[in-house]
Protein backbone atom coordinates (compact mmCIF):
# COMPACT_ATOMS: atom_id res chain seq x y z
CA MET A 1 -46.87 107.30 -281.50
CA GLY A 2 -47.04 105.08 -278.50
CA ILE A 3 -43.14 104.86 -278.29
CA SER A 4 -43.04 108.58 -278.67
CA TYR A 5 -45.39 109.26 -275.98
CA ALA A 6 -43.77 106.81 -273.69
CA ASN A 7 -40.40 108.28 -274.26
CA GLN A 8 -41.79 111.60 -272.85
CA SER A 9 -43.28 109.79 -269.83
CA MET A 10 -46.75 110.29 -271.28
CA TYR A 11 -47.80 106.77 -270.51
CA GLU A 12 -51.58 107.26 -270.66
CA GLU A 13 -51.44 108.65 -274.17
CA SER A 14 -48.88 105.93 -275.21
CA ILE A 15 -51.32 103.17 -274.00
CA ARG A 16 -54.03 104.45 -276.28
CA TYR A 17 -51.73 104.19 -279.31
CA TYR A 18 -50.53 100.87 -278.50
CA VAL A 19 -54.11 99.56 -278.10
CA ARG A 20 -54.92 101.21 -281.48
CA ALA A 21 -51.80 99.58 -283.03
CA LEU A 22 -52.91 96.26 -281.56
CA ALA A 23 -56.30 96.69 -283.05
CA MET A 24 -54.66 96.76 -286.45
CA ASN A 25 -52.25 94.08 -285.85
CA PRO A 26 -52.93 91.89 -282.67
CA LYS A 27 -49.96 89.73 -283.33
CA ALA A 28 -47.49 92.55 -282.85
CA ASP A 29 -45.64 90.97 -279.67
CA ASN A 30 -43.47 93.92 -279.25
CA ALA A 31 -46.48 96.17 -278.94
CA TRP A 32 -47.94 93.93 -276.31
CA GLN A 33 -44.74 94.20 -274.39
CA TYR A 34 -44.53 97.97 -274.69
CA LEU A 35 -48.24 98.25 -273.74
CA ARG A 36 -47.46 96.19 -270.54
CA ILE A 37 -44.61 98.42 -269.53
CA SER A 38 -46.77 101.64 -270.02
CA LEU A 39 -49.54 100.00 -268.08
CA SER A 40 -47.17 99.15 -265.25
CA CYS A 41 -45.74 102.84 -265.26
CA VAL A 42 -49.20 104.09 -264.49
CA SER A 43 -49.98 101.36 -261.88
CA ARG A 44 -52.89 99.84 -263.85
CA ASN A 45 -52.28 96.45 -262.56
CA ASP A 46 -55.92 95.70 -263.45
CA MET A 47 -55.29 96.12 -267.08
CA VAL A 48 -51.91 94.37 -266.91
CA GLU A 49 -53.80 91.20 -266.62
CA ALA A 50 -55.91 92.08 -269.71
CA CYS A 51 -52.74 92.59 -271.52
CA ASP A 52 -51.28 89.44 -270.43
CA SER A 53 -54.27 87.56 -271.58
CA ARG A 54 -54.31 89.71 -274.83
CA ASN A 55 -58.03 90.94 -274.06
CA LEU A 56 -57.86 93.54 -276.76
CA GLU A 57 -61.72 94.11 -276.43
CA LEU A 58 -61.42 95.18 -272.77
CA LEU A 59 -58.34 97.37 -273.41
CA GLN A 60 -60.09 99.14 -276.40
CA LYS A 61 -63.15 100.03 -273.90
CA GLU A 62 -60.99 101.25 -271.32
CA PHE A 63 -58.45 103.30 -273.49
CA PRO A 64 -60.22 104.51 -276.48
CA LEU A 65 -58.45 106.63 -278.97
């Protein structure tokens, strides 16, 4: 779902689905990369840092699904 939303330039929605996918599999390196791209597209630099440090708890609070 995250990729589908991102392909439609619906980055806020894609972020929520990437975070959800990462909650199920935090070792999914590609999902972390896609999440970072979507965060950058919506200028959420504050959350890019959380993504880089893989702070899933903070991301889940900020982008609930």
